PDB file of all heavy atoms in Angstrom:
ATOM      1  N   MET A   1      13.094   5.358  -7.793  1.00  0.00           N
ATOM      2  CA  MET A   1      13.178   6.754  -7.355  1.00  0.00           C
ATOM      3  C   MET A   1      12.244   7.648  -8.162  1.00  0.00           C
ATOM      4  O   MET A   1      11.803   8.695  -7.686  1.00  0.00           O
ATOM      5  CB  MET A   1      14.615   7.260  -7.486  1.00  0.00           C
ATOM      6  CG  MET A   1      15.559   6.634  -6.492  1.00  0.00           C
ATOM      7  SD  MET A   1      17.274   7.098  -6.749  1.00  0.00           S
ATOM      8  CE  MET A   1      17.186   8.865  -6.822  1.00  0.00           C
ATOM      9  N   TYR A   2      11.935   7.257  -9.385  1.00  0.00           N
ATOM     10  CA  TYR A   2      11.083   8.050 -10.267  1.00  0.00           C
ATOM     11  C   TYR A   2       9.599   7.832  -9.979  1.00  0.00           C
ATOM     12  O   TYR A   2       8.806   8.768  -9.972  1.00  0.00           O
ATOM     13  CB  TYR A   2      11.397   7.672 -11.712  1.00  0.00           C
ATOM     14  CG  TYR A   2      10.727   8.498 -12.774  1.00  0.00           C
ATOM     15  CD1 TYR A   2      11.295   9.685 -13.215  1.00  0.00           C
ATOM     16  CD2 TYR A   2       9.535   8.092 -13.364  1.00  0.00           C
ATOM     17  CE1 TYR A   2      10.706  10.439 -14.204  1.00  0.00           C
ATOM     18  CE2 TYR A   2       8.939   8.836 -14.359  1.00  0.00           C
ATOM     19  CZ  TYR A   2       9.522  10.010 -14.773  1.00  0.00           C
ATOM     20  OH  TYR A   2       8.928  10.756 -15.751  1.00  0.00           O
ATOM     21  N   VAL A   3       9.204   6.570  -9.724  1.00  0.00           N
ATOM     22  CA  VAL A   3       7.781   6.241  -9.681  1.00  0.00           C
ATOM     23  C   VAL A   3       7.176   6.337  -8.278  1.00  0.00           C
ATOM     24  O   VAL A   3       5.985   6.625  -8.146  1.00  0.00           O
ATOM     25  CB  VAL A   3       7.536   4.851 -10.306  1.00  0.00           C
ATOM     26  CG1 VAL A   3       7.878   3.735  -9.368  1.00  0.00           C
ATOM     27  CG2 VAL A   3       6.116   4.709 -10.786  1.00  0.00           C
ATOM     28  N   GLU A   4       7.968   6.137  -7.239  1.00  0.00           N
ATOM     29  CA  GLU A   4       7.389   6.155  -5.886  1.00  0.00           C
ATOM     30  C   GLU A   4       6.800   7.523  -5.509  1.00  0.00           C
ATOM     31  O   GLU A   4       5.719   7.575  -4.935  1.00  0.00           O
ATOM     32  CB  GLU A   4       8.409   5.669  -4.866  1.00  0.00           C
ATOM     33  CG  GLU A   4       8.708   4.189  -5.052  1.00  0.00           C
ATOM     34  CD  GLU A   4       8.774   3.411  -3.771  1.00  0.00           C
ATOM     35  OE1 GLU A   4       8.651   4.003  -2.693  1.00  0.00           O
ATOM     36  OE2 GLU A   4       8.943   2.189  -3.858  1.00  0.00           O
ATOM     37  N   PRO A   5       7.444   8.652  -5.823  1.00  0.00           N
ATOM     38  CA  PRO A   5       6.781   9.937  -5.541  1.00  0.00           C
ATOM     39  C   PRO A   5       5.485  10.131  -6.331  1.00  0.00           C
ATOM     40  O   PRO A   5       4.544  10.760  -5.837  1.00  0.00           O
ATOM     41  CB  PRO A   5       7.822  10.976  -5.955  1.00  0.00           C
ATOM     42  CG  PRO A   5       9.111  10.274  -5.874  1.00  0.00           C
ATOM     43  CD  PRO A   5       8.833   8.855  -6.243  1.00  0.00           C
ATOM     44  N   LEU A   6       5.421   9.562  -7.532  1.00  0.00           N
ATOM     45  CA  LEU A   6       4.186   9.676  -8.322  1.00  0.00           C
ATOM     46  C   LEU A   6       3.055   8.882  -7.677  1.00  0.00           C
ATOM     47  O   LEU A   6       1.904   9.325  -7.654  1.00  0.00           O
ATOM     48  CB  LEU A   6       4.422   9.176  -9.747  1.00  0.00           C
ATOM     49  CG  LEU A   6       5.476   9.922 -10.555  1.00  0.00           C
ATOM     50  CD1 LEU A   6       5.611   9.304 -11.934  1.00  0.00           C
ATOM     51  CD2 LEU A   6       5.137  11.391 -10.657  1.00  0.00           C
ATOM     52  N   ILE A   7       3.386   7.716  -7.141  1.00  0.00           N
ATOM     53  CA  ILE A   7       2.363   6.906  -6.469  1.00  0.00           C
ATOM     54  C   ILE A   7       1.901   7.613  -5.200  1.00  0.00           C
ATOM     55  O   ILE A   7       0.708   7.618  -4.881  1.00  0.00           O
ATOM     56  CB  ILE A   7       2.911   5.497  -6.171  1.00  0.00           C
ATOM     57  CG1 ILE A   7       3.208   4.773  -7.489  1.00  0.00           C
ATOM     58  CG2 ILE A   7       1.917   4.695  -5.352  1.00  0.00           C
ATOM     59  CD1 ILE A   7       3.903   3.448  -7.327  1.00  0.00           C
ATOM     60  N   THR A   8       2.826   8.230  -4.483  1.00  0.00           N
ATOM     61  CA  THR A   8       2.446   8.990  -3.290  1.00  0.00           C
ATOM     62  C   THR A   8       1.513  10.146  -3.663  1.00  0.00           C
ATOM     63  O   THR A   8       0.527  10.406  -2.980  1.00  0.00           O
ATOM     64  CB  THR A   8       3.695   9.535  -2.584  1.00  0.00           C
ATOM     65  OG1 THR A   8       4.531   8.440  -2.235  1.00  0.00           O
ATOM     66  CG2 THR A   8       3.328  10.321  -1.342  1.00  0.00           C
ATOM     67  N   LYS A   9       1.822  10.828  -4.766  1.00  0.00           N
ATOM     68  CA  LYS A   9       0.988  11.941  -5.208  1.00  0.00           C
ATOM     69  C   LYS A   9      -0.400  11.461  -5.639  1.00  0.00           C
ATOM     70  O   LYS A   9      -1.378  12.203  -5.521  1.00  0.00           O
ATOM     71  CB  LYS A   9       1.675  12.679  -6.354  1.00  0.00           C
ATOM     72  CG  LYS A   9       1.029  13.995  -6.698  1.00  0.00           C
ATOM     73  CD  LYS A   9       1.937  14.874  -7.500  1.00  0.00           C
ATOM     74  CE  LYS A   9       2.935  15.623  -6.683  1.00  0.00           C
ATOM     75  NZ  LYS A   9       2.388  16.608  -5.767  1.00  0.00           N
ATOM     76  N   SER A  10      -0.508  10.221  -6.082  1.00  0.00           N
ATOM     77  CA  SER A  10      -1.806   9.722  -6.548  1.00  0.00           C
ATOM     78  C   SER A  10      -2.769   9.440  -5.402  1.00  0.00           C
ATOM     79  O   SER A  10      -3.954   9.229  -5.642  1.00  0.00           O
ATOM     80  CB  SER A  10      -1.616   8.446  -7.366  1.00  0.00           C
ATOM     81  OG  SER A  10      -1.292   7.363  -6.536  1.00  0.00           O
ATOM     82  N   LYS A  11      -2.286   9.424  -4.164  1.00  0.00           N
ATOM     83  CA  LYS A  11      -3.186   9.198  -3.025  1.00  0.00           C
ATOM     84  C   LYS A  11      -4.212  10.313  -2.903  1.00  0.00           C
ATOM     85  O   LYS A  11      -5.322  10.101  -2.438  1.00  0.00           O
ATOM     86  CB  LYS A  11      -2.383   9.101  -1.731  1.00  0.00           C
ATOM     87  CG  LYS A  11      -1.589   7.826  -1.596  1.00  0.00           C
ATOM     88  CD  LYS A  11      -0.872   7.821  -0.281  1.00  0.00           C
ATOM     89  CE  LYS A  11      -0.131   6.540  -0.052  1.00  0.00           C
ATOM     90  NZ  LYS A  11       0.517   6.509   1.258  1.00  0.00           N
ATOM     91  N   GLU A  12      -3.832  11.515  -3.300  1.00  0.00           N
ATOM     92  CA  GLU A  12      -4.742  12.659  -3.261  1.00  0.00           C
ATOM     93  C   GLU A  12      -5.269  12.883  -4.673  1.00  0.00           C
ATOM     94  O   GLU A  12      -4.541  13.345  -5.548  1.00  0.00           O
ATOM     95  CB  GLU A  12      -4.001  13.901  -2.759  1.00  0.00           C
ATOM     96  CG  GLU A  12      -4.880  15.095  -2.582  1.00  0.00           C
ATOM     97  CD  GLU A  12      -4.092  16.308  -2.093  1.00  0.00           C
ATOM     98  OE1 GLU A  12      -2.906  16.158  -1.788  1.00  0.00           O
ATOM     99  OE2 GLU A  12      -4.689  17.389  -2.043  1.00  0.00           O
ATOM    100  N   ASP A  13      -6.508  12.539  -4.914  1.00  0.00           N
ATOM    101  CA  ASP A  13      -7.080  12.606  -6.261  1.00  0.00           C
ATOM    102  C   ASP A  13      -7.649  13.998  -6.516  1.00  0.00           C
ATOM    103  O   ASP A  13      -8.848  14.235  -6.355  1.00  0.00           O
ATOM    104  CB  ASP A  13      -8.151  11.529  -6.430  1.00  0.00           C
ATOM    105  CG  ASP A  13      -8.586  11.383  -7.874  1.00  0.00           C
ATOM    106  OD1 ASP A  13      -7.987  12.050  -8.739  1.00  0.00           O
ATOM    107  OD2 ASP A  13      -9.506  10.602  -8.138  1.00  0.00           O
ATOM    108  N   THR A  14      -6.773  14.900  -6.910  1.00  0.00           N
ATOM    109  CA  THR A  14      -7.194  16.247  -7.281  1.00  0.00           C
ATOM    110  C   THR A  14      -6.757  16.515  -8.716  1.00  0.00           C
ATOM    111  O   THR A  14      -5.922  15.801  -9.265  1.00  0.00           O
ATOM    112  CB  THR A  14      -6.565  17.310  -6.358  1.00  0.00           C
ATOM    113  OG1 THR A  14      -5.148  17.249  -6.497  1.00  0.00           O
ATOM    114  CG2 THR A  14      -6.948  17.079  -4.908  1.00  0.00           C
ATOM    115  N   THR A  15      -7.309  17.535  -9.305  1.00  0.00           N
ATOM    116  CA  THR A  15      -6.932  17.895 -10.668  1.00  0.00           C
ATOM    117  C   THR A  15      -5.457  18.264 -10.738  1.00  0.00           C
ATOM    118  O   THR A  15      -4.751  17.884 -11.672  1.00  0.00           O
ATOM    119  CB  THR A  15      -7.790  19.076 -11.159  1.00  0.00           C
ATOM    120  OG1 THR A  15      -9.162  18.730 -11.027  1.00  0.00           O
ATOM    121  CG2 THR A  15      -7.488  19.391 -12.613  1.00  0.00           C
ATOM    122  N   HIS A  16      -4.981  18.963  -9.725  1.00  0.00           N
ATOM    123  CA  HIS A  16      -3.573  19.370  -9.711  1.00  0.00           C
ATOM    124  C   HIS A  16      -2.647  18.160  -9.656  1.00  0.00           C
ATOM    125  O   HIS A  16      -1.664  18.087 -10.400  1.00  0.00           O
ATOM    126  CB  HIS A  16      -3.302  20.297  -8.530  1.00  0.00           C
ATOM    127  CG  HIS A  16      -1.875  20.696  -8.411  1.00  0.00           C
ATOM    128  ND1 HIS A  16      -1.256  21.490  -9.353  1.00  0.00           N
ATOM    129  CD2 HIS A  16      -0.933  20.397  -7.495  1.00  0.00           C
ATOM    130  CE1 HIS A  16       0.004  21.670  -8.999  1.00  0.00           C
ATOM    131  NE2 HIS A  16       0.232  21.015  -7.871  1.00  0.00           N
ATOM    132  N   SER A  17      -2.960  17.192  -8.797  1.00  0.00           N
ATOM    133  CA  SER A  17      -2.094  16.024  -8.696  1.00  0.00           C
ATOM    134  C   SER A  17      -2.160  15.169  -9.966  1.00  0.00           C
ATOM    135  O   SER A  17      -1.146  14.618 -10.401  1.00  0.00           O
ATOM    136  CB  SER A  17      -2.439  15.182  -7.466  1.00  0.00           C
ATOM    137  OG  SER A  17      -3.748  14.698  -7.551  1.00  0.00           O
ATOM    138  N   ARG A  18      -3.328  15.097 -10.601  1.00  0.00           N
ATOM    139  CA  ARG A  18      -3.430  14.363 -11.864  1.00  0.00           C
ATOM    140  C   ARG A  18      -2.595  15.033 -12.950  1.00  0.00           C
ATOM    141  O   ARG A  18      -1.910  14.345 -13.718  1.00  0.00           O
ATOM    142  CB  ARG A  18      -4.888  14.282 -12.330  1.00  0.00           C
ATOM    143  CG  ARG A  18      -5.684  13.198 -11.654  1.00  0.00           C
ATOM    144  CD  ARG A  18      -7.096  13.153 -12.219  1.00  0.00           C
ATOM    145  NE  ARG A  18      -7.860  12.094 -11.598  1.00  0.00           N
ATOM    146  CZ  ARG A  18      -8.031  10.887 -12.130  1.00  0.00           C
ATOM    147  NH1 ARG A  18      -7.492  10.601 -13.296  1.00  0.00           N
ATOM    148  NH2 ARG A  18      -8.728   9.972 -11.503  1.00  0.00           N
ATOM    149  N   ARG A  19      -2.637  16.338 -13.011  1.00  0.00           N
ATOM    150  CA  ARG A  19      -1.847  17.045 -14.031  1.00  0.00           C
ATOM    151  C   ARG A  19      -0.352  16.929 -13.759  1.00  0.00           C
ATOM    152  O   ARG A  19       0.445  16.801 -14.682  1.00  0.00           O
ATOM    153  CB  ARG A  19      -2.266  18.517 -14.091  1.00  0.00           C
ATOM    154  CG  ARG A  19      -3.605  18.699 -14.747  1.00  0.00           C
ATOM    155  CD  ARG A  19      -4.026  20.140 -14.790  1.00  0.00           C
ATOM    156  NE  ARG A  19      -5.309  20.257 -15.486  1.00  0.00           N
ATOM    157  CZ  ARG A  19      -6.050  21.342 -15.477  1.00  0.00           C
ATOM    158  NH1 ARG A  19      -5.668  22.419 -14.801  1.00  0.00           N
ATOM    159  NH2 ARG A  19      -7.183  21.373 -16.143  1.00  0.00           N
ATOM    160  N   THR A  20       0.023  16.960 -12.496  1.00  0.00           N
ATOM    161  CA  THR A  20       1.428  16.805 -12.140  1.00  0.00           C
ATOM    162  C   THR A  20       1.940  15.418 -12.531  1.00  0.00           C
ATOM    163  O   THR A  20       3.005  15.278 -13.122  1.00  0.00           O
ATOM    164  CB  THR A  20       1.628  17.034 -10.633  1.00  0.00           C
ATOM    165  OG1 THR A  20       1.099  18.307 -10.277  1.00  0.00           O
ATOM    166  CG2 THR A  20       3.093  16.964 -10.261  1.00  0.00           C
ATOM    167  N   VAL A  21       1.158  14.395 -12.214  1.00  0.00           N
ATOM    168  CA  VAL A  21       1.553  13.031 -12.561  1.00  0.00           C
ATOM    169  C   VAL A  21       1.565  12.854 -14.076  1.00  0.00           C
ATOM    170  O   VAL A  21       2.471  12.216 -14.628  1.00  0.00           O
ATOM    171  CB  VAL A  21       0.608  12.015 -11.882  1.00  0.00           C
ATOM    172  CG1 VAL A  21       0.820  10.619 -12.418  1.00  0.00           C
ATOM    173  CG2 VAL A  21       0.813  12.040 -10.380  1.00  0.00           C
ATOM    174  N   PHE A  22       0.605  13.442 -14.771  1.00  0.00           N
ATOM    175  CA  PHE A  22       0.565  13.336 -16.229  1.00  0.00           C
ATOM    176  C   PHE A  22       1.782  13.992 -16.868  1.00  0.00           C
ATOM    177  O   PHE A  22       2.288  13.518 -17.897  1.00  0.00           O
ATOM    178  CB  PHE A  22      -0.716  13.952 -16.786  1.00  0.00           C
ATOM    179  CG  PHE A  22      -0.829  13.851 -18.279  1.00  0.00           C
ATOM    180  CD1 PHE A  22      -1.155  12.640 -18.879  1.00  0.00           C
ATOM    181  CD2 PHE A  22      -0.600  14.945 -19.087  1.00  0.00           C
ATOM    182  CE1 PHE A  22      -1.253  12.532 -20.260  1.00  0.00           C
ATOM    183  CE2 PHE A  22      -0.694  14.844 -20.472  1.00  0.00           C
ATOM    184  CZ  PHE A  22      -1.020  13.640 -21.058  1.00  0.00           C
ATOM    185  N   SER A  23       2.304  15.054 -16.258  1.00  0.00           N
ATOM    186  CA  SER A  23       3.488  15.710 -16.810  1.00  0.00           C
ATOM    187  C   SER A  23       4.713  14.805 -16.729  1.00  0.00           C
ATOM    188  O   SER A  23       5.646  14.945 -17.516  1.00  0.00           O
ATOM    189  CB  SER A  23       3.761  17.033 -16.093  1.00  0.00           C
ATOM    190  OG  SER A  23       4.244  16.795 -14.789  1.00  0.00           O
ATOM    191  N   TYR A  24       4.709  13.860 -15.804  1.00  0.00           N
ATOM    192  CA  TYR A  24       5.805  12.904 -15.694  1.00  0.00           C
ATOM    193  C   TYR A  24       5.568  11.665 -16.568  1.00  0.00           C
ATOM    194  O   TYR A  24       6.489  11.170 -17.206  1.00  0.00           O
ATOM    195  CB  TYR A  24       5.993  12.451 -14.244  1.00  0.00           C
ATOM    196  CG  TYR A  24       6.695  13.458 -13.382  1.00  0.00           C
ATOM    197  CD1 TYR A  24       5.973  14.404 -12.671  1.00  0.00           C
ATOM    198  CD2 TYR A  24       8.074  13.469 -13.284  1.00  0.00           C
ATOM    199  CE1 TYR A  24       6.610  15.332 -11.879  1.00  0.00           C
ATOM    200  CE2 TYR A  24       8.731  14.389 -12.494  1.00  0.00           C
ATOM    201  CZ  TYR A  24       7.987  15.326 -11.797  1.00  0.00           C
ATOM    202  OH  TYR A  24       8.621  16.255 -11.016  1.00  0.00           O
ATOM    203  N   LEU A  25       4.342  11.144 -16.577  1.00  0.00           N
ATOM    204  CA  LEU A  25       4.078   9.884 -17.263  1.00  0.00           C
ATOM    205  C   LEU A  25       3.775  10.040 -18.746  1.00  0.00           C
ATOM    206  O   LEU A  25       4.132   9.188 -19.546  1.00  0.00           O
ATOM    207  CB  LEU A  25       2.910   9.148 -16.594  1.00  0.00           C
ATOM    208  CG  LEU A  25       3.146   8.653 -15.181  1.00  0.00           C
ATOM    209  CD1 LEU A  25       1.917   7.950 -14.663  1.00  0.00           C
ATOM    210  CD2 LEU A  25       4.347   7.736 -15.119  1.00  0.00           C
ATOM    211  N   LYS A  26       3.060  11.084 -19.111  1.00  0.00           N
ATOM    212  CA  LYS A  26       2.746  11.391 -20.502  1.00  0.00           C
ATOM    213  C   LYS A  26       1.885  10.337 -21.196  1.00  0.00           C
ATOM    214  O   LYS A  26       1.893  10.214 -22.411  1.00  0.00           O
ATOM    215  CB  LYS A  26       4.031  11.616 -21.311  1.00  0.00           C
ATOM    216  CG  LYS A  26       4.843  12.791 -20.795  1.00  0.00           C
ATOM    217  CD  LYS A  26       6.171  12.876 -21.457  1.00  0.00           C
ATOM    218  CE  LYS A  26       6.978  14.032 -20.951  1.00  0.00           C
ATOM    219  NZ  LYS A  26       7.207  14.040 -19.524  1.00  0.00           N
ATOM    220  N   GLN A  27       1.137   9.535 -20.414  1.00  0.00           N
ATOM    221  CA  GLN A  27       0.187   8.567 -20.972  1.00  0.00           C
ATOM    222  C   GLN A  27      -1.096   8.618 -20.155  1.00  0.00           C
ATOM    223  O   GLN A  27      -1.082   8.367 -18.955  1.00  0.00           O
ATOM    224  CB  GLN A  27       0.749   7.148 -20.921  1.00  0.00           C
ATOM    225  CG  GLN A  27       1.774   6.854 -21.977  1.00  0.00           C
ATOM    226  CD  GLN A  27       2.129   5.383 -22.014  1.00  0.00           C
ATOM    227  OE1 GLN A  27       1.375   4.535 -21.527  1.00  0.00           O
ATOM    228  NE2 GLN A  27       3.264   5.075 -22.597  1.00  0.00           N
ATOM    229  N   LYS A  28      -2.189   8.924 -20.840  1.00  0.00           N
ATOM    230  CA  LYS A  28      -3.461   9.075 -20.147  1.00  0.00           C
ATOM    231  C   LYS A  28      -3.924   7.768 -19.511  1.00  0.00           C
ATOM    232  O   LYS A  28      -4.461   7.767 -18.406  1.00  0.00           O
ATOM    233  CB  LYS A  28      -4.519   9.579 -21.125  1.00  0.00           C
ATOM    234  CG  LYS A  28      -5.820   9.997 -20.452  1.00  0.00           C
ATOM    235  CD  LYS A  28      -6.891  10.381 -21.457  1.00  0.00           C
ATOM    236  CE  LYS A  28      -6.556  11.687 -22.126  1.00  0.00           C
ATOM    237  NZ  LYS A  28      -7.680  12.175 -22.966  1.00  0.00           N
ATOM    238  N   GLN A  29      -3.702   6.633 -20.182  1.00  0.00           N
ATOM    239  CA  GLN A  29      -4.139   5.343 -19.641  1.00  0.00           C
ATOM    240  C   GLN A  29      -3.406   5.014 -18.343  1.00  0.00           C
ATOM    241  O   GLN A  29      -3.999   4.471 -17.403  1.00  0.00           O
ATOM    242  CB  GLN A  29      -3.891   4.213 -20.652  1.00  0.00           C
ATOM    243  CG  GLN A  29      -4.670   4.326 -21.927  1.00  0.00           C
ATOM    244  CD  GLN A  29      -3.966   5.198 -22.967  1.00  0.00           C
ATOM    245  OE1 GLN A  29      -2.856   5.670 -22.748  1.00  0.00           O
ATOM    246  NE2 GLN A  29      -4.635   5.436 -24.074  1.00  0.00           N
ATOM    247  N   ALA A  30      -2.116   5.335 -18.289  1.00  0.00           N
ATOM    248  CA  ALA A  30      -1.331   5.053 -17.085  1.00  0.00           C
ATOM    249  C   ALA A  30      -1.796   5.917 -15.918  1.00  0.00           C
ATOM    250  O   ALA A  30      -1.892   5.449 -14.777  1.00  0.00           O
ATOM    251  CB  ALA A  30       0.156   5.276 -17.350  1.00  0.00           C
ATOM    252  N   VAL A  31      -2.110   7.178 -16.192  1.00  0.00           N
ATOM    253  CA  VAL A  31      -2.591   8.069 -15.136  1.00  0.00           C
ATOM    254  C   VAL A  31      -3.939   7.591 -14.619  1.00  0.00           C
ATOM    255  O   VAL A  31      -4.175   7.554 -13.401  1.00  0.00           O
ATOM    256  CB  VAL A  31      -2.683   9.526 -15.660  1.00  0.00           C
ATOM    257  CG1 VAL A  31      -3.315  10.430 -14.622  1.00  0.00           C
ATOM    258  CG2 VAL A  31      -1.309  10.044 -16.042  1.00  0.00           C
ATOM    259  N   THR A  32      -4.825   7.185 -15.518  1.00  0.00           N
ATOM    260  CA  THR A  32      -6.137   6.674 -15.112  1.00  0.00           C
ATOM    261  C   THR A  32      -5.987   5.421 -14.260  1.00  0.00           C
ATOM    262  O   THR A  32      -6.639   5.283 -13.218  1.00  0.00           O
ATOM    263  CB  THR A  32      -6.984   6.380 -16.356  1.00  0.00           C
ATOM    264  OG1 THR A  32      -7.072   7.561 -17.141  1.00  0.00           O
ATOM    265  CG2 THR A  32      -8.369   5.913 -15.977  1.00  0.00           C
ATOM    266  N   GLU A  33      -5.131   4.498 -14.685  1.00  0.00           N
ATOM    267  CA  GLU A  33      -4.895   3.264 -13.927  1.00  0.00           C
ATOM    268  C   GLU A  33      -4.326   3.575 -12.544  1.00  0.00           C
ATOM    269  O   GLU A  33      -4.724   2.971 -11.544  1.00  0.00           O
ATOM    270  CB  GLU A  33      -3.926   2.371 -14.713  1.00  0.00           C
ATOM    271  CG  GLU A  33      -3.582   1.085 -14.046  1.00  0.00           C
ATOM    272  CD  GLU A  33      -4.625   0.006 -14.233  1.00  0.00           C
ATOM    273  OE1 GLU A  33      -5.580   0.213 -15.011  1.00  0.00           O
ATOM    274  OE2 GLU A  33      -4.492  -1.048 -13.586  1.00  0.00           O
ATOM    275  N   LEU A  34      -3.397   4.518 -12.500  1.00  0.00           N
ATOM    276  CA  LEU A  34      -2.761   4.877 -11.236  1.00  0.00           C
ATOM    277  C   LEU A  34      -3.778   5.436 -10.241  1.00  0.00           C
ATOM    278  O   LEU A  34      -3.806   5.021  -9.075  1.00  0.00           O
ATOM    279  CB  LEU A  34      -1.646   5.896 -11.485  1.00  0.00           C
ATOM    280  CG  LEU A  34      -0.887   6.417 -10.275  1.00  0.00           C
ATOM    281  CD1 LEU A  34      -0.149   5.282  -9.581  1.00  0.00           C
ATOM    282  CD2 LEU A  34       0.107   7.489 -10.700  1.00  0.00           C
ATOM    283  N   PHE A  35      -4.629   6.334 -10.683  1.00  0.00           N
ATOM    284  CA  PHE A  35      -5.562   6.980  -9.768  1.00  0.00           C
ATOM    285  C   PHE A  35      -6.795   6.118  -9.462  1.00  0.00           C
ATOM    286  O   PHE A  35      -7.335   6.213  -8.368  1.00  0.00           O
ATOM    287  CB  PHE A  35      -6.004   8.337 -10.328  1.00  0.00           C
ATOM    288  CG  PHE A  35      -4.998   9.421 -10.084  1.00  0.00           C
ATOM    289  CD1 PHE A  35      -3.978   9.648 -10.989  1.00  0.00           C
ATOM    290  CD2 PHE A  35      -5.051  10.200  -8.947  1.00  0.00           C
ATOM    291  CE1 PHE A  35      -3.047  10.638 -10.773  1.00  0.00           C
ATOM    292  CE2 PHE A  35      -4.126  11.197  -8.719  1.00  0.00           C
ATOM    293  CZ  PHE A  35      -3.115  11.416  -9.640  1.00  0.00           C
ATOM    294  N   ARG A  36      -7.235   5.275 -10.395  1.00  0.00           N
ATOM    295  CA  ARG A  36      -8.444   4.489 -10.163  1.00  0.00           C
ATOM    296  C   ARG A  36      -8.187   3.137  -9.512  1.00  0.00           C
ATOM    297  O   ARG A  36      -8.993   2.681  -8.711  1.00  0.00           O
ATOM    298  CB  ARG A  36      -9.181   4.259 -11.486  1.00  0.00           C
ATOM    299  CG  ARG A  36      -9.865   5.497 -11.992  1.00  0.00           C
ATOM    300  CD  ARG A  36     -10.780   5.170 -13.138  1.00  0.00           C
ATOM    301  NE  ARG A  36     -11.374   6.403 -13.676  1.00  0.00           N
ATOM    302  CZ  ARG A  36     -11.892   6.497 -14.868  1.00  0.00           C
ATOM    303  NH1 ARG A  36     -11.928   5.460 -15.672  1.00  0.00           N
ATOM    304  NH2 ARG A  36     -12.410   7.642 -15.270  1.00  0.00           N
ATOM    305  N   VAL A  37      -7.089   2.477  -9.875  1.00  0.00           N
ATOM    306  CA  VAL A  37      -6.849   1.110  -9.405  1.00  0.00           C
ATOM    307  C   VAL A  37      -5.791   1.059  -8.311  1.00  0.00           C
ATOM    308  O   VAL A  37      -5.992   0.454  -7.261  1.00  0.00           O
ATOM    309  CB  VAL A  37      -6.440   0.200 -10.596  1.00  0.00           C
ATOM    310  CG1 VAL A  37      -6.133  -1.198 -10.124  1.00  0.00           C
ATOM    311  CG2 VAL A  37      -7.528   0.204 -11.643  1.00  0.00           C
TER     312      VAL A  37
END
């Protein structure tokens, strides 16, 4: 329930969505992996 909305948000690669996901994950490497891979 926590991670599926974050993955949905990662489909749109914008600065706002990256910052929103980062506020939940709090790890830069995880955010980069999510949006790039």
